[in-house]
Protein backbone atom coordinates (compact mmCIF):
# COMPACT_ATOMS: atom_id res chain seq x y z
CA MET A 1 265.55 23.01 -71.19
CA ASP A 2 268.06 21.73 -74.17
CA TRP A 3 267.59 20.34 -77.25
CA MET A 4 269.80 17.21 -76.27
CA GLN A 5 267.64 16.62 -72.93
CA ALA A 6 264.21 16.74 -74.95
CA ILE A 7 265.47 14.45 -77.63
CA VAL A 8 267.11 11.79 -75.10
CA LEU A 9 263.98 12.20 -72.46
CA GLY A 10 261.44 11.75 -76.00
CA LEU A 11 263.49 8.34 -76.76
CA VAL A 12 263.07 7.64 -73.22
CA GLN A 13 259.44 7.74 -72.82
CA GLY A 14 258.83 6.23 -75.96
CA LEU A 15 261.16 3.14 -75.09
CA THR A 16 259.51 3.12 -71.35
CA GLU A 17 256.16 3.72 -71.61
CA PHE A 18 254.81 0.57 -72.21
CA LEU A 19 257.62 -1.69 -70.61
CA PRO A 20 256.47 -2.61 -66.48
CA ILE A 21 259.56 -0.40 -65.73
CA SER A 22 258.11 2.90 -65.32
CA SER A 23 258.80 5.54 -67.79
CA SER A 24 257.77 8.29 -65.29
CA ALA A 25 260.77 6.99 -63.00
CA HIS A 26 263.33 6.91 -65.88
CA LEU A 27 262.32 10.32 -67.21
CA ARG A 28 262.94 11.50 -63.11
CA VAL A 29 266.49 9.39 -63.62
CA VAL A 30 267.31 10.32 -66.29
CA SER A 31 266.87 13.80 -66.19
CA THR A 32 268.59 13.79 -62.88
CA LEU A 33 271.79 11.86 -63.94
CA GLY A 34 271.77 13.60 -67.34
CA TRP A 35 271.10 17.61 -66.33
CA GLY A 36 271.01 17.69 -62.26
CA THR A 37 267.44 19.04 -62.72
CA ASP A 38 264.22 16.88 -62.67
CA ALA A 39 261.70 17.98 -66.03
CA GLY A 40 259.12 17.53 -64.17
CA ALA A 41 255.54 15.53 -63.92
CA SER A 42 254.18 17.90 -66.51
CA PHE A 43 256.63 16.88 -68.28
CA THR A 44 256.41 13.84 -68.57
CA ALA A 45 252.37 13.80 -68.81
CA VAL A 46 252.64 16.01 -72.31
CA THR A 47 255.53 13.32 -73.76
CA GLN A 48 253.07 10.49 -73.20
CA LEU A 49 250.33 11.79 -75.90
CA GLY A 50 253.03 10.64 -77.95
CA THR A 51 253.02 7.08 -76.68
CA GLU A 52 249.09 7.36 -76.41
CA LEU A 53 248.84 8.40 -80.00
CA ALA A 54 250.79 5.39 -80.95
CA VAL A 55 248.34 2.81 -79.01
CA LEU A 56 245.35 4.73 -80.86
CA ILE A 57 246.97 3.97 -84.16
CA TYR A 58 247.83 0.24 -83.05
CA TYR A 59 244.64 -0.60 -81.89
CA ALA A 60 242.61 2.02 -84.48
CA LYS A 61 240.35 -1.05 -85.77
CA LYS A 62 239.80 -2.61 -82.35
CA ILE A 63 239.09 1.10 -80.71
CA GLY A 64 236.89 1.60 -83.68
CA VAL A 65 234.74 -1.84 -83.06
CA LEU A 66 234.57 -0.45 -78.93
CA LEU A 67 233.66 2.87 -79.76
CA GLY A 68 230.74 1.73 -82.37
CA ALA A 69 229.68 -0.96 -80.04
CA TRP A 70 229.34 1.69 -77.27
CA PHE A 71 227.64 4.49 -79.00
CA LYS A 72 225.06 1.36 -80.49
CA GLY A 73 224.25 -0.02 -76.98
CA PHE A 74 222.41 3.37 -76.01
CA PHE A 75 220.00 2.02 -78.80
CA SER A 76 220.35 -2.15 -78.99
CA ALA A 77 219.08 -4.00 -76.09
CA ALA A 78 221.18 -6.52 -78.24
CA VAL A 79 224.58 -4.60 -78.90
CA ARG A 80 224.55 -4.45 -75.14
CA ARG A 81 224.85 -8.16 -74.31
CA THR A 82 227.98 -7.84 -77.00
CA ASP A 83 231.66 -8.50 -75.74
CA ASP A 84 233.10 -5.27 -77.59
CA TYR A 85 230.13 -3.02 -75.61
CA ARG A 86 231.22 -4.72 -71.98
CA MET A 87 234.93 -3.78 -73.15
CA ALA A 88 234.19 -0.61 -74.21
CA TRP A 89 232.39 0.25 -70.47
CA TYR A 90 235.55 -1.73 -68.92
CA VAL A 91 237.73 0.83 -70.56
CA ILE A 92 235.80 3.93 -69.18
CA ILE A 93 235.38 1.93 -65.41
CA GLY A 94 239.19 0.91 -65.19
CA SER A 95 240.52 4.73 -66.09
CA THR A 96 238.26 6.59 -63.43
CA PRO A 97 240.15 5.37 -60.64
CA ILE A 98 243.80 6.87 -62.14
CA ALA A 99 241.80 9.96 -63.25
CA LEU A 100 239.84 10.61 -59.80
CA LEU A 101 243.53 10.54 -58.22
CA GLY A 102 245.56 12.04 -60.42
CA VAL A 103 243.26 15.41 -59.60
CA VAL A 104 243.01 15.18 -56.05
CA PHE A 105 246.84 14.23 -55.33
CA LYS A 106 247.71 16.34 -58.12
CA ASP A 107 250.20 18.61 -55.95
CA GLU A 108 251.75 15.68 -54.08
CA ILE A 109 252.45 13.99 -57.59
CA ARG A 110 254.09 16.74 -58.71
CA THR A 111 256.33 17.15 -55.49
CA SER A 112 256.74 15.16 -52.82
CA LEU A 113 255.91 11.60 -54.58
CA ARG A 114 258.51 12.64 -56.93
CA ASN A 115 261.20 11.81 -54.05
CA LEU A 116 263.94 9.24 -55.64
CA TRP A 117 263.92 7.32 -52.45
CA ILE A 118 260.40 6.55 -52.81
CA THR A 119 261.13 5.64 -56.72
CA ALA A 120 263.95 3.41 -56.03
CA THR A 121 262.06 1.79 -53.62
CA VAL A 122 258.84 0.92 -55.34
CA MET A 123 260.59 0.38 -58.13
CA ILE A 124 262.02 -2.78 -56.05
CA VAL A 125 258.94 -3.79 -54.15
CA PHE A 126 257.07 -3.83 -57.72
CA ALA A 127 259.90 -5.64 -59.08
CA VAL A 128 258.87 -8.50 -56.26
CA VAL A 129 254.95 -7.99 -56.62
CA LEU A 130 255.05 -8.70 -60.46
CA ALA A 131 257.67 -11.62 -59.80
CA VAL A 132 255.70 -13.19 -57.89
CA ALA A 133 252.33 -12.52 -60.22
CA ASP A 134 254.49 -13.99 -63.20
CA GLU A 135 255.17 -17.04 -61.17
CA ILE A 136 251.45 -18.03 -59.65
CA GLY A 137 249.27 -16.47 -62.11
CA LYS A 138 247.08 -19.20 -63.62
CA GLN A 139 246.93 -16.98 -67.34
CA ALA A 140 243.97 -19.35 -67.80
CA ARG A 141 241.97 -17.23 -69.56
CA ALA A 142 241.74 -14.06 -71.76
CA ASP A 143 238.22 -12.80 -71.49
CA LEU A 144 237.53 -9.94 -68.44
CA THR A 145 235.04 -8.92 -66.16
CA LEU A 146 233.80 -6.12 -64.35
CA LYS A 147 236.07 -7.34 -61.31
CA ASP A 148 238.99 -7.09 -63.79
CA SER A 149 238.64 -3.71 -64.92
CA ILE A 150 238.26 -2.36 -61.22
CA THR A 151 241.02 -4.23 -60.14
CA MET A 152 243.13 -2.93 -62.75
CA GLY A 153 241.84 0.06 -62.80
CA LEU A 154 242.94 0.74 -59.36
CA ALA A 155 246.34 -1.09 -59.69
CA GLN A 156 247.01 1.67 -62.79
CA ALA A 157 246.43 4.35 -60.16
CA MET A 158 248.83 3.28 -58.01
CA ALA A 159 251.40 4.25 -61.10
CA LEU A 160 250.73 7.86 -59.87
CA ILE A 161 253.89 7.06 -57.85
CA PRO A 162 257.09 7.03 -60.09
CA GLY A 163 258.34 3.93 -60.13
CA VAL A 164 255.25 2.10 -59.50
CA SER A 165 255.13 1.69 -63.83
CA ARG A 166 251.62 1.80 -65.05
CA SER A 167 251.63 -0.79 -67.42
CA GLY A 168 253.62 -2.88 -64.58
CA GLY A 169 250.66 -2.39 -62.17
CA THR A 170 248.29 -3.27 -64.51
CA LEU A 171 249.60 -6.11 -65.85
CA THR A 172 250.59 -7.62 -62.41
CA ALA A 173 246.73 -6.95 -61.22
CA GLY A 174 245.83 -9.11 -64.58
CA LEU A 175 248.58 -11.91 -64.10
CA PHE A 176 247.30 -12.23 -60.13
CA LEU A 177 243.47 -12.37 -61.67
CA GLY A 178 244.39 -15.21 -63.63
CA LEU A 179 244.67 -13.29 -67.39
CA ASP A 180 247.20 -14.49 -69.75
CA ARG A 181 249.99 -11.90 -70.42
CA LYS A 182 248.71 -11.38 -74.04
CA SER A 183 245.32 -10.60 -72.62
CA ALA A 184 246.67 -8.65 -69.40
CA THR A 185 248.77 -6.26 -71.87
CA ASP A 186 246.16 -5.25 -74.55
CA TYR A 187 243.94 -4.51 -71.61
CA SER A 188 246.37 -2.40 -70.25
CA PHE A 189 247.19 -0.10 -73.59
CA LEU A 190 243.32 -0.06 -73.88
CA LEU A 191 242.82 1.58 -69.85
CA ALA A 192 245.64 3.66 -70.18
CA ILE A 193 244.51 5.83 -73.27
CA PRO A 194 241.70 7.90 -71.42
CA ALA A 195 243.23 8.43 -68.80
CA VAL A 196 246.83 9.22 -69.92
CA PHE A 197 245.39 11.58 -73.07
CA GLY A 198 243.51 13.52 -70.12
CA ALA A 199 246.84 13.98 -68.01
CA GLY A 200 248.31 15.01 -71.08
CA LEU A 201 246.09 17.45 -72.00
CA PHE A 202 245.36 19.12 -68.26
CA SER A 203 249.32 19.38 -67.86
CA ILE A 204 249.88 21.44 -71.55
CA PRO A 205 249.61 24.50 -69.79
CA ASP A 206 252.11 23.69 -66.86
CA VAL A 207 255.01 22.52 -68.92
CA MET A 208 254.85 25.42 -71.19
CA ASP A 209 254.60 27.67 -67.97
CA LYS A 210 258.03 29.49 -67.55
CA THR A 211 257.27 30.98 -64.29
CA GLY A 212 257.79 27.74 -62.12
CA PRO A 213 260.99 25.84 -60.82
CA GLY A 214 263.17 23.47 -63.07
CA PRO A 215 263.85 23.30 -66.97
CA HIS A 216 261.27 24.51 -69.48
CA ALA A 217 260.80 23.25 -72.44
CA SER A 218 259.74 25.41 -75.56
CA THR A 219 256.83 24.81 -77.88
CA ALA A 220 259.53 23.34 -80.42
CA GLN A 221 261.17 21.23 -77.94
CA MET A 222 257.70 19.73 -76.18
CA ILE A 223 256.57 18.73 -80.04
CA VAL A 224 259.81 17.34 -81.17
CA ALA A 225 260.08 14.79 -77.87
CA THR A 226 256.45 13.79 -78.44
CA VAL A 227 256.90 12.96 -81.77
CA ILE A 228 259.97 11.00 -80.88
CA ALA A 229 258.11 8.99 -78.28
CA PHE A 230 255.22 8.69 -80.37
CA VAL A 231 257.55 6.96 -82.81
CA VAL A 232 259.70 4.44 -80.29
CA GLY A 233 256.23 4.03 -78.65
CA TYR A 234 255.00 2.64 -81.83
CA ALA A 235 257.95 0.36 -82.11
CA THR A 236 257.98 -0.99 -78.56
CA ILE A 237 254.22 -1.86 -78.64
CA ALA A 238 254.79 -4.58 -81.52
CA TRP A 239 258.01 -6.04 -79.57
CA LEU A 240 256.27 -6.27 -76.06
CA LEU A 241 252.97 -7.86 -77.85
CA ARG A 242 255.49 -10.48 -79.50
CA TYR A 243 257.89 -10.75 -76.41
CA VAL A 244 254.76 -11.40 -74.02
CA SER A 245 253.42 -14.15 -76.01
CA ARG A 246 256.56 -16.07 -75.33
CA HIS A 247 258.79 -14.87 -72.36
CA THR A 248 257.62 -13.97 -68.79
CA PHE A 249 258.30 -11.06 -67.55
CA SER A 250 261.68 -12.13 -65.55
CA ALA A 251 264.17 -9.52 -67.49
CA PHE A 252 261.85 -6.92 -66.22
CA VAL A 253 261.87 -7.97 -63.03
CA TRP A 254 265.92 -8.31 -62.64
CA TYR A 255 266.23 -4.98 -64.27
CA ARG A 256 263.88 -2.76 -61.97
CA ILE A 257 265.70 -4.37 -58.77
CA VAL A 258 269.21 -3.34 -60.08
CA LEU A 259 268.03 0.03 -61.21
CA GLY A 260 266.45 0.16 -57.72
CA VAL A 261 269.65 -0.97 -56.02
CA VAL A 262 272.21 1.02 -57.80
CA LEU A 263 269.59 4.45 -57.55
CA MET A 264 269.88 3.71 -53.68
CA ALA A 265 273.36 3.40 -53.98
CA LEU A 266 273.98 6.99 -55.56
CA LEU A 267 271.06 8.60 -53.01
CA ALA A 268 273.00 6.98 -50.45
CA THR A 269 276.31 8.60 -51.47
CA ASN A 270 274.63 11.64 -52.45
CA THR A 271 275.64 11.04 -55.92
CA ILE A 272 272.34 12.49 -56.95
CA PRO A 273 270.01 14.35 -55.08
CA ALA A 274 266.80 12.96 -53.79
CA THR A 275 264.69 16.01 -55.04
């Protein structure tokens, strides 16, 4: 991997991680179009550490409150009745599906599921699903329930397939459940922290392994790409939260559809390889 590729992919990761357009799909497509090779699922997982660090800092106060309530809840019945204590458990419970499935289907995630025909197809399919959810979702409440955490956690797990979008899956599920856009977005950010940090740390040895196929990033390149992802990701969080409070997700829906169609055209004409 050269320095330009590392820098560009760090930018792409930071820009797309929190938008419902699939960061893993964009890293896959950009690396293939620009350099003719897939940077790999491990590279994606490690650079996500940067964007999740942005979440930790942006939501530091909220996370501190949730962690405090969670630990205090082991010793206080009164704390166990608070919304913060329940929310802490909702984050843990909602993170479980993607963690379990990520381990079970590790090999498929890094090989067959990265086929660009699959990516293009799910980009379009889930754009339609998001559009329907955005249209019919009642957006009548802000408080989450255990059912919400489980459903949105399962939706997050679908993002193991490049093109689905982790944030897109959770936001879509939240809208179908009747949550407002802001609440669904906030929970989506918090829900990602345990799973993404776990996947990133788990993938560090793989991305530094120089014996496998594909481009190999040096330690310095991985650090730079991750730092860039952090800086850009932090700015993206602030922008997205303002955007969803005043707009629908229609712009992201159309973007996904157009990208999916263009990608299919490139694949059909053998302009880019599917694997």
